[in-house]
Amino acid sequence: MTSNPFRYVALRSAAVLFVLFGCDADTNTEVEVLTPRTNASLFPIVSGPVSASTDVNLEWDDGYNVGYCAEITVSSTVGVSTWQLILFTPEASIFSNWNTLLLETDPVNVLVPDEESGMVVISPGGTAVTGFCAEGSTTPPILIHLSGT
């Protein structure tokens, strides 16, 4: 039986979030350490042979519903046979995504490429594009971890 390296990454990233957003031991209240910026494309991430950037391309707030849609571009300089993204969606729940499978949800989301999308393998110099729509907040997503092998 082989272990799933992506599972380890997801658990490690959840631990990172606990450290970043953890609890104040004295008062047992949440302490927010990160301050999300208003433009999600300011959160690029680079990890070895892959990099990713996010662009929020649609927001809505009609008085009843609040949300956004974002596009994520994963690039590789040398090519990878698979990849995985972990992102944090503050106060928002993903209700739709494309070209990926959503393995764990809200607020830490693990996205892996859907084999049917044809975007599992990224050739040298190539890109894979995925995206999602989330509701509950217009606070942009934060890319936490990216891996590619």
N, C-alpha and C. Protein backbone atom coordinates (compact mmCIF):
# COMPACT_ATOMS: atom_id res chain seq x y z
N MET A 1 0.85 -1.18 0.00
CA MET A 1 0.00 0.00 0.00
C MET A 1 0.89 1.24 0.00
N THR A 2 0.64 2.16 -0.91
CA THR A 2 1.42 3.40 -0.97
C THR A 2 0.64 4.53 -0.32
N SER A 3 1.38 5.46 0.26
CA SER A 3 0.71 6.60 0.88
C SER A 3 0.50 7.70 -0.15
N ASN A 4 -0.47 8.52 0.08
CA ASN A 4 -0.80 9.62 -0.82
C ASN A 4 -0.07 10.87 -0.34
N PRO A 5 0.95 11.35 -1.09
CA PRO A 5 1.69 12.53 -0.65
C PRO A 5 0.83 13.77 -0.59
N PHE A 6 -0.23 13.84 -1.40
CA PHE A 6 -1.09 15.00 -1.38
C PHE A 6 -1.86 15.09 -0.06
N ARG A 7 -2.19 13.96 0.53
CA ARG A 7 -2.91 13.95 1.80
C ARG A 7 -2.06 14.60 2.89
N TYR A 8 -0.75 14.28 2.88
CA TYR A 8 0.18 14.88 3.84
C TYR A 8 0.21 16.40 3.67
N VAL A 9 0.25 16.85 2.43
CA VAL A 9 0.30 18.28 2.16
C VAL A 9 -0.96 18.96 2.68
N ALA A 10 -2.11 18.33 2.47
CA ALA A 10 -3.36 18.92 2.93
C ALA A 10 -3.38 19.04 4.44
N LEU A 11 -2.93 18.00 5.14
CA LEU A 11 -2.90 18.06 6.60
C LEU A 11 -1.90 19.09 7.09
N ARG A 12 -0.73 19.16 6.43
CA ARG A 12 0.28 20.14 6.81
C ARG A 12 -0.25 21.55 6.60
N SER A 13 -0.96 21.78 5.52
CA SER A 13 -1.50 23.10 5.24
C SER A 13 -2.58 23.48 6.24
N ALA A 14 -3.38 22.51 6.67
CA ALA A 14 -4.38 22.80 7.68
C ALA A 14 -3.69 23.21 8.98
N ALA A 15 -2.56 22.58 9.30
CA ALA A 15 -1.80 22.96 10.49
C ALA A 15 -1.25 24.38 10.35
N VAL A 16 -0.81 24.74 9.15
CA VAL A 16 -0.31 26.09 8.90
C VAL A 16 -1.43 27.10 9.14
N LEU A 17 -2.62 26.79 8.67
CA LEU A 17 -3.74 27.70 8.89
C LEU A 17 -4.04 27.86 10.37
N PHE A 18 -3.93 26.77 11.14
CA PHE A 18 -4.17 26.87 12.56
C PHE A 18 -3.16 27.82 13.19
N VAL A 19 -1.90 27.72 12.76
CA VAL A 19 -0.87 28.60 13.28
C VAL A 19 -1.16 30.05 12.87
N LEU A 20 -1.57 30.26 11.62
CA LEU A 20 -1.80 31.61 11.14
C LEU A 20 -3.05 32.24 11.73
N PHE A 21 -4.11 31.46 11.88
CA PHE A 21 -5.37 31.99 12.34
C PHE A 21 -5.75 31.49 13.72
N GLY A 22 -4.90 30.67 14.33
CA GLY A 22 -5.09 29.95 15.58
C GLY A 22 -6.00 30.55 16.62
N CYS A 23 -5.81 30.17 17.83
CA CYS A 23 -6.61 30.68 18.94
C CYS A 23 -5.67 31.29 19.97
N ASP A 24 -6.12 32.32 20.61
CA ASP A 24 -5.39 32.95 21.69
C ASP A 24 -5.64 32.11 22.94
N ALA A 25 -4.58 31.50 23.48
CA ALA A 25 -4.71 30.56 24.60
C ALA A 25 -5.28 31.24 25.84
N ASP A 26 -5.00 32.52 26.05
CA ASP A 26 -5.46 33.20 27.24
C ASP A 26 -6.96 33.50 27.22
N THR A 27 -7.47 33.88 26.06
CA THR A 27 -8.88 34.28 25.98
C THR A 27 -9.73 33.29 25.20
N ASN A 28 -9.09 32.29 24.57
CA ASN A 28 -9.77 31.29 23.76
C ASN A 28 -10.62 31.92 22.66
N THR A 29 -10.13 33.01 22.09
CA THR A 29 -10.81 33.66 20.98
C THR A 29 -9.91 33.60 19.76
N GLU A 30 -10.51 33.68 18.58
CA GLU A 30 -9.73 33.65 17.36
C GLU A 30 -8.88 34.90 17.23
N VAL A 31 -7.68 34.71 16.71
CA VAL A 31 -6.77 35.83 16.48
C VAL A 31 -6.40 35.81 15.00
N GLU A 32 -6.80 36.82 14.26
CA GLU A 32 -6.50 36.88 12.84
C GLU A 32 -5.13 37.52 12.65
N VAL A 33 -4.23 36.78 12.00
CA VAL A 33 -2.88 37.25 11.78
C VAL A 33 -2.70 37.78 10.37
N LEU A 34 -3.34 37.14 9.40
CA LEU A 34 -3.23 37.58 8.01
C LEU A 34 -4.30 38.60 7.69
N THR A 35 -3.97 39.53 6.83
CA THR A 35 -4.94 40.48 6.34
C THR A 35 -5.05 40.32 4.83
N PRO A 36 -6.13 39.73 4.33
CA PRO A 36 -6.26 39.55 2.89
C PRO A 36 -6.26 40.87 2.15
N ARG A 37 -5.65 40.89 1.00
CA ARG A 37 -5.64 42.09 0.16
C ARG A 37 -6.89 42.11 -0.70
N THR A 38 -7.14 43.22 -1.34
CA THR A 38 -8.36 43.33 -2.13
C THR A 38 -8.20 42.77 -3.54
N ASN A 39 -6.99 42.49 -3.99
CA ASN A 39 -6.79 41.97 -5.33
C ASN A 39 -6.11 40.61 -5.24
N ALA A 40 -6.86 39.56 -5.55
CA ALA A 40 -6.33 38.21 -5.39
C ALA A 40 -5.14 37.93 -6.30
N SER A 41 -4.99 38.65 -7.41
CA SER A 41 -3.86 38.39 -8.29
C SER A 41 -2.55 38.79 -7.63
N LEU A 42 -2.60 39.45 -6.46
CA LEU A 42 -1.39 39.79 -5.73
C LEU A 42 -0.84 38.61 -4.94
N PHE A 43 -1.47 37.45 -5.05
CA PHE A 43 -1.04 36.29 -4.29
C PHE A 43 -0.47 35.19 -5.19
N PRO A 44 0.55 35.46 -5.98
CA PRO A 44 1.13 34.37 -6.75
C PRO A 44 1.90 33.44 -5.83
N ILE A 45 2.06 32.21 -6.24
CA ILE A 45 2.82 31.25 -5.45
C ILE A 45 3.70 30.44 -6.39
N VAL A 46 4.94 30.17 -5.96
CA VAL A 46 5.88 29.39 -6.76
C VAL A 46 6.36 28.24 -5.89
N SER A 47 6.35 27.04 -6.46
CA SER A 47 6.79 25.85 -5.74
C SER A 47 7.51 24.93 -6.71
N GLY A 48 8.84 24.97 -6.68
CA GLY A 48 9.63 24.10 -7.56
C GLY A 48 9.32 24.37 -9.02
N PRO A 49 8.89 23.32 -9.73
CA PRO A 49 8.68 23.46 -11.17
C PRO A 49 7.36 24.10 -11.57
N VAL A 50 6.52 24.47 -10.59
CA VAL A 50 5.21 25.04 -10.91
C VAL A 50 4.99 26.36 -10.21
N SER A 51 4.16 27.19 -10.81
CA SER A 51 3.75 28.45 -10.19
C SER A 51 2.27 28.64 -10.48
N ALA A 52 1.62 29.47 -9.68
CA ALA A 52 0.19 29.71 -9.86
C ALA A 52 -0.14 31.15 -9.52
N SER A 53 -1.14 31.67 -10.21
CA SER A 53 -1.65 33.00 -9.90
C SER A 53 -3.17 32.95 -9.97
N THR A 54 -3.80 33.85 -9.24
CA THR A 54 -5.25 33.89 -9.13
C THR A 54 -5.76 35.24 -9.61
N ASP A 55 -6.88 35.21 -10.31
CA ASP A 55 -7.51 36.45 -10.75
C ASP A 55 -9.01 36.36 -10.47
N VAL A 56 -9.50 37.22 -9.59
CA VAL A 56 -10.94 37.29 -9.33
C VAL A 56 -11.55 38.05 -10.50
N ASN A 57 -12.37 37.37 -11.30
CA ASN A 57 -12.88 38.01 -12.50
C ASN A 57 -14.38 38.34 -12.44
N LEU A 58 -15.02 38.04 -11.31
CA LEU A 58 -16.43 38.37 -11.16
C LEU A 58 -16.76 38.44 -9.68
N GLU A 59 -17.42 39.50 -9.27
CA GLU A 59 -17.91 39.64 -7.89
C GLU A 59 -19.36 40.06 -7.93
N TRP A 60 -20.12 39.67 -6.91
CA TRP A 60 -21.50 40.14 -6.82
C TRP A 60 -21.90 40.34 -5.36
N ASP A 61 -22.78 41.27 -5.17
CA ASP A 61 -23.38 41.55 -3.86
C ASP A 61 -24.72 42.22 -4.16
N ASP A 62 -25.77 41.42 -4.21
CA ASP A 62 -27.09 41.95 -4.57
C ASP A 62 -27.95 42.25 -3.35
N GLY A 63 -27.33 42.28 -2.18
CA GLY A 63 -28.09 42.51 -0.96
C GLY A 63 -28.54 41.23 -0.30
N TYR A 64 -28.64 40.15 -1.07
CA TYR A 64 -29.03 38.85 -0.53
C TYR A 64 -27.88 37.85 -0.62
N ASN A 65 -27.18 37.88 -1.73
CA ASN A 65 -26.08 36.95 -1.98
C ASN A 65 -24.80 37.73 -2.25
N VAL A 66 -23.70 37.20 -1.74
CA VAL A 66 -22.39 37.80 -1.93
C VAL A 66 -21.46 36.69 -2.40
N GLY A 67 -20.61 36.99 -3.37
CA GLY A 67 -19.68 35.98 -3.83
C GLY A 67 -18.77 36.46 -4.93
N TYR A 68 -18.03 35.52 -5.49
CA TYR A 68 -17.08 35.84 -6.55
C TYR A 68 -16.75 34.58 -7.34
N CYS A 69 -16.18 34.78 -8.51
CA CYS A 69 -15.60 33.70 -9.30
C CYS A 69 -14.14 34.06 -9.55
N ALA A 70 -13.28 33.08 -9.50
CA ALA A 70 -11.85 33.30 -9.68
C ALA A 70 -11.29 32.28 -10.65
N GLU A 71 -10.28 32.71 -11.38
CA GLU A 71 -9.57 31.83 -12.30
C GLU A 71 -8.14 31.65 -11.78
N ILE A 72 -7.65 30.43 -11.78
CA ILE A 72 -6.30 30.12 -11.33
C ILE A 72 -5.53 29.55 -12.51
N THR A 73 -4.37 30.14 -12.77
CA THR A 73 -3.51 29.65 -13.84
C THR A 73 -2.29 28.99 -13.21
N VAL A 74 -2.09 27.71 -13.51
CA VAL A 74 -0.93 26.96 -13.02
C VAL A 74 0.03 26.82 -14.20
N SER A 75 1.28 27.22 -14.00
CA SER A 75 2.29 27.18 -15.06
C SER A 75 3.45 26.30 -14.64
N SER A 76 4.15 25.75 -15.64
CA SER A 76 5.34 24.94 -15.35
C SER A 76 6.42 25.24 -16.37
N THR A 77 7.63 25.44 -15.88
CA THR A 77 8.76 25.71 -16.78
C THR A 77 9.34 24.43 -17.34
N VAL A 78 9.29 23.34 -16.56
CA VAL A 78 9.91 22.08 -16.99
C VAL A 78 8.90 20.98 -17.29
N GLY A 79 7.65 21.20 -16.95
CA GLY A 79 6.62 20.19 -17.17
C GLY A 79 6.41 19.33 -15.94
N VAL A 80 5.16 18.98 -15.67
CA VAL A 80 4.81 18.12 -14.54
C VAL A 80 3.74 17.13 -14.99
N SER A 81 3.74 15.97 -14.33
CA SER A 81 2.76 14.94 -14.69
C SER A 81 1.48 15.05 -13.87
N THR A 82 1.53 15.78 -12.78
CA THR A 82 0.33 16.07 -11.99
C THR A 82 0.63 17.25 -11.07
N TRP A 83 -0.41 17.85 -10.53
CA TRP A 83 -0.26 19.01 -9.65
C TRP A 83 -1.42 19.07 -8.68
N GLN A 84 -1.25 19.90 -7.65
CA GLN A 84 -2.28 20.06 -6.63
C GLN A 84 -2.19 21.48 -6.08
N LEU A 85 -3.34 22.07 -5.81
CA LEU A 85 -3.45 23.40 -5.22
C LEU A 85 -4.20 23.31 -3.90
N ILE A 86 -3.73 24.07 -2.92
CA ILE A 86 -4.48 24.21 -1.67
C ILE A 86 -4.71 25.70 -1.48
N LEU A 87 -5.96 26.08 -1.30
CA LEU A 87 -6.26 27.49 -1.13
C LEU A 87 -7.23 27.70 0.02
N PHE A 88 -7.20 28.90 0.54
CA PHE A 88 -8.04 29.30 1.66
C PHE A 88 -9.05 30.30 1.14
N THR A 89 -10.33 30.05 1.38
CA THR A 89 -11.39 30.96 0.96
C THR A 89 -12.05 31.53 2.22
N PRO A 90 -11.54 32.67 2.70
CA PRO A 90 -12.07 33.25 3.94
C PRO A 90 -13.57 33.55 3.85
N GLU A 91 -14.33 32.98 4.75
CA GLU A 91 -15.76 33.25 4.88
C GLU A 91 -16.57 32.91 3.63
N ALA A 92 -16.01 32.11 2.73
CA ALA A 92 -16.73 31.76 1.50
C ALA A 92 -16.70 30.25 1.29
N SER A 93 -17.74 29.75 0.64
CA SER A 93 -17.85 28.32 0.31
C SER A 93 -17.87 28.16 -1.20
N ILE A 94 -17.03 27.29 -1.71
CA ILE A 94 -17.01 27.01 -3.15
C ILE A 94 -18.26 26.22 -3.51
N PHE A 95 -18.99 26.70 -4.51
CA PHE A 95 -20.18 25.97 -4.95
C PHE A 95 -20.05 25.46 -6.38
N SER A 96 -19.02 25.89 -7.09
CA SER A 96 -18.81 25.42 -8.46
C SER A 96 -17.31 25.51 -8.77
N ASN A 97 -16.79 24.52 -9.45
CA ASN A 97 -15.41 24.56 -9.90
C ASN A 97 -15.29 23.82 -11.22
N TRP A 98 -14.24 24.13 -11.98
CA TRP A 98 -14.07 23.50 -13.27
C TRP A 98 -12.61 23.09 -13.47
N ASN A 99 -12.43 22.02 -14.23
CA ASN A 99 -11.14 21.42 -14.57
C ASN A 99 -10.40 20.83 -13.37
N THR A 100 -11.04 20.79 -12.22
CA THR A 100 -10.43 20.19 -11.03
C THR A 100 -11.47 19.41 -10.24
N LEU A 101 -10.97 18.57 -9.36
CA LEU A 101 -11.81 17.89 -8.38
C LEU A 101 -11.56 18.58 -7.04
N LEU A 102 -12.61 18.84 -6.31
CA LEU A 102 -12.52 19.48 -5.00
C LEU A 102 -12.52 18.37 -3.97
N LEU A 103 -11.34 18.15 -3.31
CA LEU A 103 -11.20 17.04 -2.39
C LEU A 103 -11.61 17.37 -0.96
N GLU A 104 -11.29 18.55 -0.51
CA GLU A 104 -11.66 18.98 0.84
C GLU A 104 -12.18 20.39 0.71
N THR A 105 -13.14 20.74 1.57
CA THR A 105 -13.79 22.02 1.36
C THR A 105 -13.85 22.89 2.60
N ASP A 106 -13.89 24.13 2.37
CA ASP A 106 -14.22 25.25 3.23
C ASP A 106 -13.70 25.17 4.67
N PRO A 107 -12.87 26.07 5.05
CA PRO A 107 -12.28 27.14 4.27
C PRO A 107 -10.99 26.73 3.57
N VAL A 108 -10.44 25.53 3.92
CA VAL A 108 -9.25 25.04 3.24
C VAL A 108 -9.71 24.12 2.13
N ASN A 109 -9.37 24.45 0.90
CA ASN A 109 -9.85 23.72 -0.27
C ASN A 109 -8.68 23.09 -0.99
N VAL A 110 -8.79 21.80 -1.27
CA VAL A 110 -7.75 21.06 -1.99
C VAL A 110 -8.29 20.78 -3.39
N LEU A 111 -7.59 21.28 -4.39
CA LEU A 111 -7.98 21.08 -5.79
C LEU A 111 -6.93 20.26 -6.51
N VAL A 112 -7.36 19.20 -7.17
CA VAL A 112 -6.47 18.40 -8.02
C VAL A 112 -7.08 18.37 -9.41
N PRO A 113 -6.25 18.25 -10.45
CA PRO A 113 -6.81 18.29 -11.80
C PRO A 113 -7.72 17.11 -12.08
N ASP A 114 -8.80 17.37 -12.77
CA ASP A 114 -9.74 16.35 -13.20
C ASP A 114 -9.19 15.71 -14.47
N GLU A 115 -9.05 14.39 -14.48
CA GLU A 115 -8.48 13.71 -15.65
C GLU A 115 -9.26 14.01 -16.92
N GLU A 116 -10.55 14.20 -16.81
CA GLU A 116 -11.37 14.48 -17.99
C GLU A 116 -11.10 15.87 -18.57
N SER A 117 -10.48 16.75 -17.79
CA SER A 117 -10.21 18.11 -18.27
C SER A 117 -9.04 18.16 -19.24
N GLY A 118 -8.19 17.12 -19.20
CA GLY A 118 -6.99 17.13 -20.03
C GLY A 118 -5.90 18.04 -19.49
N MET A 119 -6.03 18.48 -18.24
CA MET A 119 -5.07 19.43 -17.67
C MET A 119 -4.25 18.83 -16.54
N VAL A 120 -4.20 17.49 -16.45
CA VAL A 120 -3.40 16.85 -15.42
C VAL A 120 -1.93 17.09 -15.71
N VAL A 121 -1.52 16.81 -16.93
CA VAL A 121 -0.13 16.99 -17.35
C VAL A 121 0.04 18.40 -17.88
N ILE A 122 1.07 19.08 -17.39
CA ILE A 122 1.43 20.39 -17.93
C ILE A 122 2.78 20.24 -18.61
N SER A 123 2.81 20.47 -19.90
CA SER A 123 4.06 20.32 -20.65
C SER A 123 5.01 21.48 -20.35
N PRO A 124 6.31 21.32 -20.64
CA PRO A 124 7.27 22.40 -20.37
C PRO A 124 6.82 23.72 -21.00
N GLY A 125 6.79 24.76 -20.20
CA GLY A 125 6.35 26.07 -20.67
C GLY A 125 4.84 26.21 -20.78
N GLY A 126 4.10 25.18 -20.38
CA GLY A 126 2.65 25.18 -20.53
C GLY A 126 1.90 25.66 -19.30
N THR A 127 0.59 25.74 -19.45
CA THR A 127 -0.27 26.17 -18.35
C THR A 127 -1.51 25.29 -18.28
N ALA A 128 -2.12 25.27 -17.12
CA ALA A 128 -3.43 24.66 -16.90
C ALA A 128 -4.28 25.74 -16.23
N VAL A 129 -5.52 25.86 -16.67
CA VAL A 129 -6.40 26.89 -16.12
C VAL A 129 -7.58 26.20 -15.43
N THR A 130 -7.82 26.61 -14.22
CA THR A 130 -8.96 26.12 -13.46
C THR A 130 -9.66 27.32 -12.84
N GLY A 131 -10.73 27.08 -12.19
CA GLY A 131 -11.43 28.17 -11.55
C GLY A 131 -12.54 27.67 -10.68
N PHE A 132 -13.15 28.60 -9.97
CA PHE A 132 -14.25 28.25 -9.08
C PHE A 132 -15.08 29.49 -8.79
N CYS A 133 -16.27 29.25 -8.29
CA CYS A 133 -17.13 30.32 -7.79
C CYS A 133 -17.44 29.99 -6.33
N ALA A 134 -17.44 31.03 -5.50
CA ALA A 134 -17.69 30.86 -4.07
C ALA A 134 -18.70 31.89 -3.61
N GLU A 135 -19.46 31.56 -2.58
CA GLU A 135 -20.45 32.48 -2.04
C GLU A 135 -20.23 32.66 -0.55
N GLY A 136 -20.67 33.82 -0.04
CA GLY A 136 -20.56 34.11 1.37
C GLY A 136 -19.67 35.30 1.68
N SER A 137 -18.79 35.65 0.75
CA SER A 137 -17.86 36.75 0.96
C SER A 137 -17.23 37.13 -0.37
N THR A 138 -16.74 38.35 -0.47
CA THR A 138 -15.96 38.75 -1.64
C THR A 138 -14.48 38.86 -1.29
N THR A 139 -14.10 38.41 -0.08
CA THR A 139 -12.68 38.39 0.28
C THR A 139 -11.98 37.39 -0.64
N PRO A 140 -10.93 37.82 -1.34
CA PRO A 140 -10.30 36.96 -2.34
C PRO A 140 -9.64 35.73 -1.73
N PRO A 141 -9.50 34.68 -2.53
CA PRO A 141 -8.86 33.46 -2.05
C PRO A 141 -7.36 33.68 -1.83
N ILE A 142 -6.80 32.87 -0.96
CA ILE A 142 -5.37 32.92 -0.69
C ILE A 142 -4.78 31.56 -1.06
N LEU A 143 -3.85 31.55 -2.01
CA LEU A 143 -3.17 30.30 -2.36
C LEU A 143 -2.20 29.96 -1.24
N ILE A 144 -2.34 28.76 -0.68
CA ILE A 144 -1.52 28.35 0.44
C ILE A 144 -0.38 27.46 -0.01
N HIS A 145 -0.69 26.51 -0.88
CA HIS A 145 0.33 25.54 -1.28
C HIS A 145 0.08 25.09 -2.71
N LEU A 146 1.16 24.83 -3.40
CA LEU A 146 1.11 24.33 -4.76
C LEU A 146 2.19 23.27 -4.87
N SER A 147 1.87 22.14 -5.46
CA SER A 147 2.89 21.13 -5.69
C SER A 147 2.70 20.53 -7.08
N GLY A 148 3.78 20.11 -7.65
CA GLY A 148 3.76 19.46 -8.96
C GLY A 148 4.89 18.47 -9.06
N THR A 149 4.60 17.33 -9.67
CA THR A 149 5.64 16.30 -9.84
C THR A 149 5.65 15.80 -11.26
